N, C-alpha and C. Protein backbone atom coordinates (compact mmCIF):
# COMPACT_ATOMS: atom_id res chain seq x y z
N ALA A 1 136.81 58.53 120.96
CA ALA A 1 136.70 57.09 121.19
C ALA A 1 137.41 56.31 120.11
N SER A 2 137.30 56.81 118.85
CA SER A 2 137.96 56.11 117.75
C SER A 2 139.47 56.14 117.89
N ASN A 3 139.99 57.26 118.39
CA ASN A 3 141.45 57.35 118.60
C ASN A 3 141.91 56.33 119.63
N PHE A 4 141.10 56.16 120.67
CA PHE A 4 141.41 55.17 121.71
C PHE A 4 141.45 53.77 121.11
N THR A 5 140.44 53.46 120.29
CA THR A 5 140.36 52.14 119.67
C THR A 5 141.52 51.91 118.72
N ASP A 6 141.82 52.93 117.91
CA ASP A 6 142.92 52.81 116.96
C ASP A 6 144.24 52.60 117.66
N PHE A 7 144.44 53.29 118.80
CA PHE A 7 145.69 53.16 119.54
C PHE A 7 145.89 51.72 120.01
N TYR A 8 144.86 51.15 120.60
CA TYR A 8 144.99 49.80 121.13
C TYR A 8 145.02 48.74 120.04
N LYS A 9 144.37 48.99 118.92
CA LYS A 9 144.49 48.06 117.80
C LYS A 9 145.92 48.04 117.28
N GLY A 10 146.53 49.23 117.24
CA GLY A 10 147.90 49.32 116.76
C GLY A 10 148.89 48.68 117.70
N SER A 11 148.58 48.66 118.97
CA SER A 11 149.51 48.08 119.95
C SER A 11 149.34 46.58 120.07
N GLY A 12 148.27 46.02 119.48
CA GLY A 12 148.05 44.58 119.53
C GLY A 12 147.31 44.13 120.77
N ILE A 13 146.79 45.07 121.55
CA ILE A 13 146.09 44.73 122.78
C ILE A 13 144.65 44.34 122.46
N ASN A 14 144.16 43.29 123.08
CA ASN A 14 142.80 42.83 122.85
C ASN A 14 141.83 43.75 123.59
N ILE A 15 141.07 44.55 122.83
CA ILE A 15 140.18 45.55 123.41
C ILE A 15 139.07 44.91 124.21
N ALA A 16 138.57 43.78 123.76
CA ALA A 16 137.46 43.11 124.45
C ALA A 16 137.82 42.75 125.88
N LEU A 17 139.07 42.31 126.07
CA LEU A 17 139.49 41.94 127.42
C LEU A 17 139.63 43.17 128.30
N LEU A 18 139.97 44.30 127.71
CA LEU A 18 140.11 45.53 128.48
C LEU A 18 138.76 46.08 128.90
N THR A 19 137.79 46.01 128.01
CA THR A 19 136.49 46.62 128.26
C THR A 19 135.50 45.69 128.95
N GLY A 20 135.86 44.40 129.08
CA GLY A 20 134.96 43.45 129.71
C GLY A 20 133.97 42.83 128.75
N ALA A 21 134.13 43.16 127.45
CA ALA A 21 133.21 42.63 126.44
C ALA A 21 133.79 41.39 125.75
N ALA A 22 134.57 40.64 126.47
CA ALA A 22 135.22 39.46 125.90
C ALA A 22 134.20 38.39 125.55
N THR A 23 134.49 37.64 124.49
CA THR A 23 133.61 36.55 124.10
C THR A 23 133.80 35.38 125.06
N LYS A 24 132.91 34.41 124.95
CA LYS A 24 133.01 33.23 125.79
C LYS A 24 134.33 32.51 125.57
N LYS A 25 134.77 32.46 124.30
CA LYS A 25 136.04 31.82 123.97
C LYS A 25 137.21 32.54 124.62
N GLU A 26 137.18 33.87 124.60
CA GLU A 26 138.25 34.66 125.21
C GLU A 26 138.26 34.50 126.73
N LYS A 27 137.06 34.47 127.32
CA LYS A 27 136.97 34.29 128.77
C LYS A 27 137.48 32.91 129.18
N ASN A 28 137.12 31.90 128.39
CA ASN A 28 137.60 30.54 128.68
C ASN A 28 139.11 30.46 128.55
N ARG A 29 139.65 31.16 127.56
CA ARG A 29 141.10 31.17 127.38
C ARG A 29 141.78 31.82 128.58
N ARG A 30 141.20 32.92 129.05
CA ARG A 30 141.76 33.62 130.20
C ARG A 30 141.71 32.74 131.45
N LEU A 31 140.60 32.05 131.65
CA LEU A 31 140.48 31.16 132.80
C LEU A 31 141.48 30.01 132.72
N ALA A 32 141.60 29.43 131.53
CA ALA A 32 142.52 28.31 131.35
C ALA A 32 143.98 28.75 131.55
N GLU A 33 144.31 29.91 131.00
CA GLU A 33 145.68 30.41 131.14
C GLU A 33 145.99 30.75 132.59
N SER A 34 145.02 31.33 133.28
CA SER A 34 145.21 31.68 134.69
C SER A 34 145.40 30.43 135.54
N ALA A 35 144.58 29.41 135.27
CA ALA A 35 144.69 28.15 136.02
C ALA A 35 146.05 27.49 135.77
N LEU A 36 146.49 27.55 134.51
CA LEU A 36 147.79 26.97 134.16
C LEU A 36 148.93 27.71 134.85
N MET A 37 148.87 29.04 134.84
CA MET A 37 149.92 29.84 135.48
C MET A 37 149.90 29.68 137.00
N LEU A 38 148.70 29.53 137.56
CA LEU A 38 148.59 29.30 138.99
C LEU A 38 149.23 27.97 139.37
N ALA A 39 148.94 26.94 138.60
CA ALA A 39 149.52 25.62 138.85
C ALA A 39 151.04 25.67 138.70
N LEU A 40 151.51 26.40 137.68
CA LEU A 40 152.96 26.51 137.46
C LEU A 40 153.63 27.23 138.62
N ALA A 41 152.99 28.28 139.13
CA ALA A 41 153.54 29.02 140.26
C ALA A 41 153.67 28.12 141.49
N ILE A 42 152.66 27.29 141.72
CA ILE A 42 152.68 26.38 142.87
C ILE A 42 153.79 25.35 142.72
N ILE A 43 153.90 24.77 141.53
CA ILE A 43 154.93 23.76 141.28
C ILE A 43 156.33 24.35 141.47
N LEU A 44 156.56 25.52 140.90
CA LEU A 44 157.88 26.16 141.01
C LEU A 44 158.21 26.54 142.45
N SER A 45 157.20 26.95 143.21
CA SER A 45 157.44 27.31 144.62
C SER A 45 157.75 26.10 145.48
N GLU A 46 157.30 24.93 145.02
CA GLU A 46 157.54 23.70 145.77
C GLU A 46 158.85 23.02 145.35
N LEU A 47 159.58 23.64 144.42
CA LEU A 47 160.87 23.12 143.98
C LEU A 47 161.94 24.18 144.18
N PRO A 48 162.21 24.54 145.44
CA PRO A 48 163.15 25.63 145.71
C PRO A 48 164.59 25.28 145.37
N VAL A 49 165.33 26.32 145.01
CA VAL A 49 166.77 26.17 144.78
C VAL A 49 167.50 26.17 146.12
N ILE A 50 167.06 27.07 147.00
CA ILE A 50 167.62 27.19 148.34
C ILE A 50 166.48 27.33 149.33
N SER A 51 166.49 26.57 150.41
CA SER A 51 165.49 26.68 151.46
C SER A 51 166.16 27.10 152.76
N LEU A 52 165.60 28.11 153.40
CA LEU A 52 166.14 28.58 154.67
C LEU A 52 165.55 27.79 155.82
N PRO A 53 166.27 27.70 156.95
CA PRO A 53 165.83 26.83 158.06
C PRO A 53 164.52 27.23 158.72
N PHE A 54 164.21 28.54 158.74
CA PHE A 54 163.00 28.99 159.43
C PHE A 54 161.97 29.57 158.45
N GLY A 55 161.93 29.02 157.27
CA GLY A 55 160.97 29.48 156.27
C GLY A 55 161.60 30.42 155.27
N GLY A 56 161.00 30.47 154.09
CA GLY A 56 161.55 31.31 153.04
C GLY A 56 162.47 30.49 152.13
N SER A 57 162.43 30.79 150.85
CA SER A 57 163.26 30.04 149.90
C SER A 57 163.50 30.85 148.64
N VAL A 58 164.53 30.45 147.94
CA VAL A 58 164.83 31.02 146.62
C VAL A 58 164.32 30.03 145.58
N THR A 59 163.49 30.49 144.67
CA THR A 59 162.91 29.60 143.66
C THR A 59 163.31 30.06 142.26
N LEU A 60 163.04 29.20 141.31
CA LEU A 60 163.28 29.55 139.91
C LEU A 60 161.99 30.07 139.28
N PHE A 61 161.81 31.38 139.34
CA PHE A 61 160.73 32.06 138.62
C PHE A 61 159.33 31.77 139.15
N SER A 62 159.17 31.39 140.42
CA SER A 62 157.83 31.06 140.91
C SER A 62 156.90 32.28 140.98
N GLN A 63 157.47 33.49 141.02
CA GLN A 63 156.62 34.69 141.05
C GLN A 63 156.16 35.11 139.67
N VAL A 64 156.88 34.66 138.65
CA VAL A 64 156.64 35.11 137.28
C VAL A 64 155.24 34.80 136.76
N PRO A 65 154.68 33.60 136.95
CA PRO A 65 153.37 33.29 136.36
C PRO A 65 152.25 34.25 136.75
N VAL A 66 152.15 34.59 138.02
CA VAL A 66 151.06 35.49 138.45
C VAL A 66 151.31 36.91 137.92
N ILE A 67 152.56 37.33 137.88
CA ILE A 67 152.89 38.65 137.33
C ILE A 67 152.49 38.72 135.86
N LEU A 68 152.73 37.65 135.13
CA LEU A 68 152.34 37.60 133.72
C LEU A 68 150.83 37.70 133.54
N ILE A 69 150.09 37.01 134.38
CA ILE A 69 148.62 37.08 134.31
C ILE A 69 148.15 38.51 134.56
N SER A 70 148.73 39.16 135.55
CA SER A 70 148.38 40.54 135.87
C SER A 70 148.69 41.46 134.69
N TYR A 71 149.81 41.25 134.06
CA TYR A 71 150.22 42.11 132.95
C TYR A 71 149.33 41.89 131.73
N ARG A 72 148.96 40.65 131.49
CA ARG A 72 148.17 40.34 130.29
C ARG A 72 146.68 40.64 130.46
N TYR A 73 146.14 40.44 131.66
CA TYR A 73 144.70 40.56 131.85
C TYR A 73 144.27 41.62 132.86
N GLY A 74 145.23 42.35 133.39
CA GLY A 74 144.88 43.44 134.28
C GLY A 74 145.12 43.12 135.76
N VAL A 75 145.28 44.18 136.53
CA VAL A 75 145.60 44.04 137.96
C VAL A 75 144.48 43.36 138.73
N LYS A 76 143.23 43.68 138.40
CA LYS A 76 142.10 43.06 139.11
C LYS A 76 142.14 41.54 138.97
N TRP A 77 142.34 41.07 137.73
CA TRP A 77 142.41 39.63 137.50
C TRP A 77 143.68 39.06 138.12
N GLY A 78 144.76 39.84 138.08
CA GLY A 78 146.01 39.40 138.69
C GLY A 78 145.89 39.24 140.19
N LEU A 79 145.20 40.17 140.85
CA LEU A 79 145.02 40.08 142.30
C LEU A 79 144.17 38.88 142.68
N THR A 80 143.18 38.57 141.83
CA THR A 80 142.35 37.38 142.08
C THR A 80 143.19 36.12 142.00
N THR A 81 144.06 36.05 140.99
CA THR A 81 144.96 34.90 140.85
C THR A 81 145.95 34.85 141.99
N GLY A 82 146.47 36.01 142.38
CA GLY A 82 147.41 36.08 143.50
C GLY A 82 146.76 35.65 144.81
N LEU A 83 145.51 36.04 145.00
CA LEU A 83 144.79 35.63 146.22
C LEU A 83 144.63 34.12 146.25
N ALA A 84 144.28 33.53 145.11
CA ALA A 84 144.15 32.07 145.05
C ALA A 84 145.47 31.40 145.42
N LEU A 85 146.57 31.95 144.88
CA LEU A 85 147.89 31.40 145.22
C LEU A 85 148.18 31.54 146.70
N SER A 86 147.83 32.68 147.28
CA SER A 86 148.11 32.92 148.70
C SER A 86 147.37 31.94 149.60
N LEU A 87 146.14 31.62 149.25
CA LEU A 87 145.35 30.69 150.06
C LEU A 87 145.91 29.26 149.97
N ILE A 88 146.38 28.91 148.78
CA ILE A 88 146.99 27.59 148.61
C ILE A 88 148.30 27.52 149.38
N GLN A 89 149.09 28.59 149.32
CA GLN A 89 150.34 28.63 150.08
C GLN A 89 150.08 28.57 151.58
N LEU A 90 149.01 29.22 152.01
CA LEU A 90 148.64 29.19 153.43
C LEU A 90 148.31 27.76 153.86
N ILE A 91 147.57 27.06 153.02
CA ILE A 91 147.23 25.66 153.33
C ILE A 91 148.49 24.81 153.41
N PHE A 92 149.40 25.01 152.46
CA PHE A 92 150.66 24.25 152.47
C PHE A 92 151.50 24.56 153.71
N GLY A 93 151.36 25.78 154.22
CA GLY A 93 152.17 26.19 155.38
C GLY A 93 151.40 26.20 156.68
N ILE A 94 150.29 25.47 156.74
CA ILE A 94 149.41 25.51 157.91
C ILE A 94 150.12 25.08 159.19
N GLN A 95 151.16 24.23 159.05
CA GLN A 95 151.87 23.77 160.24
C GLN A 95 152.60 24.91 160.95
N ASN A 96 152.88 26.00 160.24
CA ASN A 96 153.59 27.13 160.84
C ASN A 96 152.76 27.80 161.94
N PHE A 97 151.45 27.63 161.88
CA PHE A 97 150.60 28.25 162.90
C PHE A 97 150.78 27.57 164.26
N SER A 98 151.36 26.38 164.27
CA SER A 98 151.59 25.70 165.55
C SER A 98 152.76 26.30 166.31
N TYR A 99 153.54 27.16 165.64
CA TYR A 99 154.71 27.77 166.28
C TYR A 99 154.41 29.12 166.91
N VAL A 100 153.19 29.63 166.71
CA VAL A 100 152.83 30.93 167.28
C VAL A 100 151.58 30.78 168.13
N SER A 101 151.34 31.75 168.98
CA SER A 101 150.15 31.72 169.84
C SER A 101 149.56 33.12 169.93
N GLY A 102 148.27 33.18 170.09
CA GLY A 102 147.58 34.46 170.20
C GLY A 102 146.98 34.87 168.87
N ILE A 103 145.82 35.52 168.93
CA ILE A 103 145.10 35.91 167.73
C ILE A 103 145.89 36.88 166.87
N SER A 104 146.61 37.81 167.53
CA SER A 104 147.40 38.79 166.76
C SER A 104 148.50 38.11 165.97
N ALA A 105 149.16 37.13 166.60
CA ALA A 105 150.23 36.40 165.91
C ALA A 105 149.66 35.60 164.74
N PHE A 106 148.50 34.99 164.95
CA PHE A 106 147.85 34.24 163.87
C PHE A 106 147.51 35.15 162.69
N MET A 107 147.01 36.35 163.00
CA MET A 107 146.63 37.29 161.96
C MET A 107 147.84 37.79 161.18
N ILE A 108 148.91 38.11 161.91
CA ILE A 108 150.14 38.58 161.25
C ILE A 108 150.71 37.49 160.36
N LEU A 109 150.72 36.28 160.86
CA LEU A 109 151.24 35.16 160.08
C LEU A 109 150.41 34.94 158.83
N ALA A 110 149.09 34.93 158.99
CA ALA A 110 148.20 34.66 157.86
C ALA A 110 148.30 35.74 156.79
N PHE A 111 148.29 37.00 157.23
CA PHE A 111 148.25 38.09 156.25
C PHE A 111 149.63 38.49 155.73
N CYS A 112 150.60 38.59 156.62
CA CYS A 112 151.93 39.06 156.19
C CYS A 112 152.73 37.97 155.46
N ASP A 113 152.66 36.76 155.94
CA ASP A 113 153.44 35.70 155.31
C ASP A 113 152.72 35.01 154.16
N TYR A 114 151.41 35.23 154.05
CA TYR A 114 150.67 34.53 153.01
C TYR A 114 149.75 35.45 152.19
N ILE A 115 148.65 35.88 152.78
CA ILE A 115 147.60 36.52 152.00
C ILE A 115 148.05 37.80 151.29
N ILE A 116 148.63 38.74 152.04
CA ILE A 116 149.08 39.98 151.40
C ILE A 116 150.32 39.73 150.56
N ALA A 117 151.25 38.96 151.12
CA ALA A 117 152.54 38.73 150.45
C ALA A 117 152.37 38.14 149.05
N PHE A 118 151.50 37.14 148.91
CA PHE A 118 151.36 36.48 147.61
C PHE A 118 150.26 37.11 146.74
N SER A 119 149.25 37.68 147.37
CA SER A 119 148.24 38.40 146.58
C SER A 119 148.86 39.58 145.87
N ALA A 120 149.86 40.19 146.50
CA ALA A 120 150.52 41.36 145.94
C ALA A 120 151.17 41.08 144.58
N LEU A 121 151.44 39.82 144.29
CA LEU A 121 152.01 39.48 142.98
C LEU A 121 151.08 39.92 141.85
N GLY A 122 149.80 40.03 142.17
CA GLY A 122 148.82 40.45 141.19
C GLY A 122 148.93 41.91 140.79
N LEU A 123 149.80 42.66 141.46
CA LEU A 123 150.03 44.07 141.10
C LEU A 123 151.10 44.20 140.02
N GLY A 124 151.61 43.07 139.58
CA GLY A 124 152.73 43.09 138.64
C GLY A 124 152.47 43.78 137.32
N GLY A 125 151.22 43.94 136.95
CA GLY A 125 150.90 44.57 135.67
C GLY A 125 150.52 46.04 135.77
N MET A 126 150.74 46.67 136.92
CA MET A 126 150.22 48.02 137.13
C MET A 126 150.92 49.10 136.30
N PHE A 127 152.11 48.79 135.77
CA PHE A 127 152.81 49.80 134.96
C PHE A 127 152.55 49.63 133.46
N LYS A 128 151.70 48.69 133.09
CA LYS A 128 151.49 48.37 131.68
C LYS A 128 151.06 49.57 130.86
N TYR A 129 150.15 50.38 131.37
CA TYR A 129 149.64 51.51 130.61
C TYR A 129 150.31 52.83 130.99
N LYS A 130 151.30 52.76 131.85
CA LYS A 130 152.06 53.94 132.24
C LYS A 130 153.41 54.01 131.53
N ILE A 131 153.93 52.84 131.15
CA ILE A 131 155.22 52.76 130.47
C ILE A 131 155.02 51.97 129.18
N LYS A 132 155.41 52.54 128.05
CA LYS A 132 155.17 51.90 126.75
C LYS A 132 156.04 50.67 126.52
N ASN A 133 157.24 50.67 127.05
CA ASN A 133 158.16 49.55 126.86
C ASN A 133 157.73 48.38 127.74
N ASP A 134 157.32 47.27 127.12
CA ASP A 134 156.82 46.12 127.88
C ASP A 134 157.87 45.55 128.82
N ILE A 135 159.11 45.47 128.35
CA ILE A 135 160.17 44.89 129.18
C ILE A 135 160.37 45.71 130.44
N LEU A 136 160.43 47.03 130.28
CA LEU A 136 160.63 47.91 131.44
C LEU A 136 159.41 47.89 132.35
N ALA A 137 158.23 47.92 131.75
CA ALA A 137 157.00 47.98 132.54
C ALA A 137 156.81 46.73 133.41
N ILE A 138 157.00 45.57 132.81
CA ILE A 138 156.78 44.34 133.58
C ILE A 138 157.92 44.10 134.56
N SER A 139 159.12 44.56 134.23
CA SER A 139 160.26 44.41 135.15
C SER A 139 160.05 45.26 136.39
N LEU A 140 159.57 46.50 136.20
CA LEU A 140 159.27 47.36 137.35
C LEU A 140 158.16 46.77 138.20
N GLY A 141 157.19 46.14 137.53
CA GLY A 141 156.13 45.46 138.27
C GLY A 141 156.69 44.33 139.11
N GLY A 142 157.64 43.58 138.54
CA GLY A 142 158.29 42.50 139.28
C GLY A 142 159.06 43.01 140.49
N VAL A 143 159.73 44.15 140.31
CA VAL A 143 160.47 44.75 141.43
C VAL A 143 159.50 45.18 142.53
N LEU A 144 158.42 45.85 142.12
CA LEU A 144 157.44 46.35 143.09
C LEU A 144 156.85 45.23 143.93
N VAL A 145 156.37 44.17 143.30
CA VAL A 145 155.70 43.11 144.05
C VAL A 145 156.68 42.36 144.95
N THR A 146 157.93 42.25 144.53
CA THR A 146 158.92 41.57 145.37
C THR A 146 159.25 42.42 146.59
N VAL A 147 159.32 43.74 146.40
CA VAL A 147 159.56 44.64 147.53
C VAL A 147 158.40 44.55 148.52
N ILE A 148 157.17 44.51 148.00
CA ILE A 148 156.00 44.38 148.88
C ILE A 148 156.08 43.07 149.66
N ARG A 149 156.43 41.99 148.96
CA ARG A 149 156.58 40.70 149.64
C ARG A 149 157.63 40.77 150.73
N PHE A 150 158.75 41.42 150.43
CA PHE A 150 159.82 41.55 151.42
C PHE A 150 159.32 42.31 152.65
N ILE A 151 158.61 43.41 152.43
CA ILE A 151 158.09 44.21 153.54
C ILE A 151 157.15 43.37 154.41
N CYS A 152 156.31 42.58 153.77
CA CYS A 152 155.38 41.71 154.51
C CYS A 152 156.14 40.71 155.38
N HIS A 153 157.12 40.04 154.79
CA HIS A 153 157.90 39.05 155.54
C HIS A 153 158.75 39.72 156.61
N PHE A 154 159.22 40.94 156.33
CA PHE A 154 160.00 41.70 157.32
C PHE A 154 159.15 42.00 158.55
N ILE A 155 157.92 42.46 158.33
CA ILE A 155 157.02 42.75 159.44
C ILE A 155 156.75 41.49 160.25
N SER A 156 156.50 40.40 159.55
CA SER A 156 156.26 39.12 160.23
C SER A 156 157.48 38.70 161.05
N GLY A 157 158.66 38.82 160.45
CA GLY A 157 159.87 38.42 161.15
C GLY A 157 160.17 39.25 162.37
N ALA A 158 159.86 40.54 162.28
CA ALA A 158 160.15 41.45 163.39
C ALA A 158 159.13 41.36 164.52
N THR A 159 157.95 40.82 164.23
CA THR A 159 156.89 40.79 165.24
C THR A 159 156.68 39.41 165.86
N ILE A 160 156.61 38.37 165.02
CA ILE A 160 156.30 37.05 165.58
C ILE A 160 157.46 36.06 165.51
N TRP A 161 158.49 36.37 164.72
CA TRP A 161 159.63 35.45 164.64
C TRP A 161 160.89 36.03 165.25
N GLY A 162 160.76 37.13 165.97
CA GLY A 162 161.92 37.79 166.56
C GLY A 162 162.68 36.95 167.58
N GLY A 163 162.01 35.94 168.10
CA GLY A 163 162.66 35.08 169.09
C GLY A 163 163.84 34.29 168.53
N TYR A 164 163.94 34.23 167.19
CA TYR A 164 165.04 33.50 166.58
C TYR A 164 166.28 34.37 166.38
N ALA A 165 166.18 35.64 166.75
CA ALA A 165 167.33 36.54 166.62
C ALA A 165 168.44 36.11 167.57
N GLU A 166 169.67 36.26 167.12
CA GLU A 166 170.81 35.90 167.95
C GLU A 166 170.97 36.90 169.09
N GLU A 167 171.64 36.48 170.14
CA GLU A 167 171.84 37.34 171.30
C GLU A 167 172.58 38.61 170.89
N GLY A 168 172.05 39.73 171.30
CA GLY A 168 172.66 41.01 170.97
C GLY A 168 172.19 41.59 169.64
N GLN A 169 171.38 40.84 168.91
CA GLN A 169 170.87 41.30 167.62
C GLN A 169 169.42 41.75 167.79
N SER A 170 169.11 42.94 167.30
CA SER A 170 167.73 43.43 167.42
C SER A 170 166.83 42.66 166.47
N VAL A 171 165.55 42.64 166.78
CA VAL A 171 164.61 41.90 165.93
C VAL A 171 164.53 42.51 164.54
N LEU A 172 164.71 43.83 164.44
CA LEU A 172 164.68 44.49 163.14
C LEU A 172 165.87 44.08 162.29
N GLU A 173 167.04 44.04 162.90
CA GLU A 173 168.25 43.61 162.19
C GLU A 173 168.11 42.15 161.75
N TYR A 174 167.61 41.34 162.65
CA TYR A 174 167.44 39.91 162.34
C TYR A 174 166.47 39.72 161.18
N SER A 175 165.32 40.37 161.26
CA SER A 175 164.30 40.19 160.23
C SER A 175 164.79 40.70 158.88
N PHE A 176 165.47 41.83 158.88
CA PHE A 176 165.97 42.39 157.62
C PHE A 176 167.00 41.44 157.00
N ALA A 177 167.98 41.03 157.79
CA ALA A 177 169.05 40.17 157.27
C ALA A 177 168.51 38.82 156.80
N TYR A 178 167.61 38.25 157.57
CA TYR A 178 167.07 36.93 157.22
C TYR A 178 166.26 37.00 155.92
N ASN A 179 165.35 37.96 155.85
CA ASN A 179 164.45 38.01 154.71
C ASN A 179 165.11 38.53 153.43
N ILE A 180 166.08 39.43 153.57
CA ILE A 180 166.78 39.92 152.38
C ILE A 180 167.66 38.83 151.78
N SER A 181 168.06 37.85 152.62
CA SER A 181 168.96 36.80 152.15
C SER A 181 168.34 35.93 151.07
N TYR A 182 167.01 35.83 151.08
CA TYR A 182 166.35 35.03 150.03
C TYR A 182 165.49 35.88 149.09
N MET A 183 165.00 37.03 149.58
CA MET A 183 164.17 37.86 148.72
C MET A 183 164.98 38.61 147.67
N LEU A 184 166.23 38.97 147.97
CA LEU A 184 167.05 39.64 146.97
C LEU A 184 167.37 38.72 145.80
N PRO A 185 167.84 37.48 146.05
CA PRO A 185 168.01 36.55 144.92
C PRO A 185 166.70 36.28 144.18
N GLU A 186 165.60 36.21 144.92
CA GLU A 186 164.29 35.98 144.29
C GLU A 186 163.94 37.15 143.36
N LEU A 187 164.27 38.36 143.79
CA LEU A 187 164.03 39.54 142.97
C LEU A 187 164.82 39.48 141.67
N ILE A 188 166.10 39.16 141.79
CA ILE A 188 166.97 39.10 140.61
C ILE A 188 166.49 38.04 139.63
N ILE A 189 166.17 36.86 140.14
CA ILE A 189 165.71 35.76 139.29
C ILE A 189 164.39 36.12 138.62
N THR A 190 163.49 36.74 139.37
CA THR A 190 162.19 37.14 138.82
C THR A 190 162.35 38.12 137.67
N VAL A 191 163.16 39.15 137.87
CA VAL A 191 163.35 40.17 136.83
C VAL A 191 164.00 39.56 135.60
N ILE A 192 164.97 38.68 135.79
CA ILE A 192 165.61 38.03 134.64
C ILE A 192 164.56 37.25 133.83
N GLY A 193 163.71 36.50 134.52
CA GLY A 193 162.67 35.74 133.85
C GLY A 193 161.70 36.63 133.09
N LEU A 194 161.31 37.74 133.70
CA LEU A 194 160.37 38.66 133.06
C LEU A 194 160.98 39.33 131.84
N VAL A 195 162.24 39.71 131.95
CA VAL A 195 162.93 40.36 130.83
C VAL A 195 163.02 39.41 129.63
N VAL A 196 163.35 38.16 129.90
CA VAL A 196 163.47 37.18 128.81
C VAL A 196 162.11 36.94 128.16
N ILE A 197 161.08 36.73 128.96
CA ILE A 197 159.74 36.44 128.42
C ILE A 197 159.19 37.63 127.65
N ALA A 198 159.34 38.84 128.22
CA ALA A 198 158.83 40.04 127.54
C ALA A 198 159.64 40.35 126.28
N GLY A 199 160.89 39.91 126.26
CA GLY A 199 161.72 40.12 125.09
C GLY A 199 161.39 39.17 123.95
N VAL A 200 160.90 37.99 124.29
CA VAL A 200 160.60 36.96 123.28
C VAL A 200 159.15 37.00 122.83
N PHE A 201 158.23 37.19 123.78
CA PHE A 201 156.80 37.10 123.46
C PHE A 201 156.13 38.47 123.41
N ASP A 202 155.10 38.55 122.59
CA ASP A 202 154.25 39.73 122.55
C ASP A 202 153.18 39.55 123.63
N LEU A 203 153.37 40.17 124.76
CA LEU A 203 152.49 39.96 125.91
C LEU A 203 151.10 40.55 125.71
N ASN A 204 150.94 41.36 124.67
CA ASN A 204 149.64 41.98 124.42
C ASN A 204 148.77 41.18 123.47
N SER A 205 149.32 40.13 122.86
CA SER A 205 148.53 39.32 121.94
C SER A 205 147.80 38.24 122.71
N LEU A 206 146.55 37.99 122.34
CA LEU A 206 145.74 37.01 123.04
C LEU A 206 146.36 35.62 122.98
N GLU A 207 146.96 35.30 121.83
CA GLU A 207 147.55 33.97 121.64
C GLU A 207 148.96 33.87 122.18
N LEU A 208 149.49 34.97 122.74
CA LEU A 208 150.86 35.01 123.28
C LEU A 208 151.86 34.56 122.23
N LYS A 209 151.82 35.21 121.08
CA LYS A 209 152.74 34.89 120.00
C LYS A 209 154.13 35.46 120.28
N THR A 210 155.13 34.85 119.65
CA THR A 210 156.47 35.41 119.74
C THR A 210 156.51 36.68 118.91
N LYS A 211 157.44 37.56 119.23
CA LYS A 211 157.54 38.81 118.48
C LYS A 211 157.97 38.56 117.04
N ILE A 212 158.74 37.50 116.82
CA ILE A 212 159.16 37.15 115.46
C ILE A 212 157.95 36.74 114.63
N ALA A 213 157.08 35.91 115.23
CA ALA A 213 155.87 35.47 114.53
C ALA A 213 154.96 36.65 114.22
N LYS A 214 154.88 37.60 115.14
CA LYS A 214 154.04 38.78 114.93
C LYS A 214 154.55 39.60 113.75
N LYS A 215 155.87 39.76 113.66
CA LYS A 215 156.45 40.51 112.55
C LYS A 215 156.21 39.81 111.23
N GLU A 216 156.32 38.49 111.25
CA GLU A 216 156.10 37.71 110.03
C GLU A 216 154.67 37.84 109.55
N ASN A 217 153.72 37.83 110.49
CA ASN A 217 152.31 37.97 110.12
C ASN A 217 152.02 39.35 109.51
N LYS A 218 152.68 40.38 110.05
CA LYS A 218 152.48 41.73 109.55
C LYS A 218 153.06 41.89 108.14
N SER A 219 154.15 41.15 107.88
CA SER A 219 154.81 41.29 106.58
C SER A 219 154.06 40.57 105.46
N LYS A 220 153.12 39.68 105.82
CA LYS A 220 152.38 38.92 104.80
C LYS A 220 151.27 39.79 104.17
């Protein structure tokens, strides 16, 4: 047990947050940071760089906030934050339900385009304890969650939005081409943002200090 504690102390990871023995101050900080990142994710998603005619957009780092929460506080907390984001996105996109009919179409739309797609962002921290390099670990998490999002939107496009396919084009071809057109740029932008943030900040410190500040504190 002591070796476990020594390892995490040396890595700068807050043991209390890992074990669930966090103080009230630490819990309040986690709640405040999660709320702030959730709000930032919503704002960034509502300011797209490119918007497609039938839904979907390229944003500037809108996936990054929830991925950061997952990486800093664990996948369970990340999924909770992602679920909150998905429900808010569903509310913002409620008008889309007027374009489909039938319970199955409603379910596919709700889960594939919203609940699963955005909740999955909470999986962004799953490589944290499998890969020692923070930049690589969080970047792979960003790739994973974006691929999951793409698969969700692909299923939705092939099942309930296939009517928008051009004549002679299969629904699978249509859904793949349409969704990859914005999800691929979203993937690239997300990874760039994660690499920069993980390169500058110590994601394992409770106060989210820069790596330069951490080195300076150690040298004192």
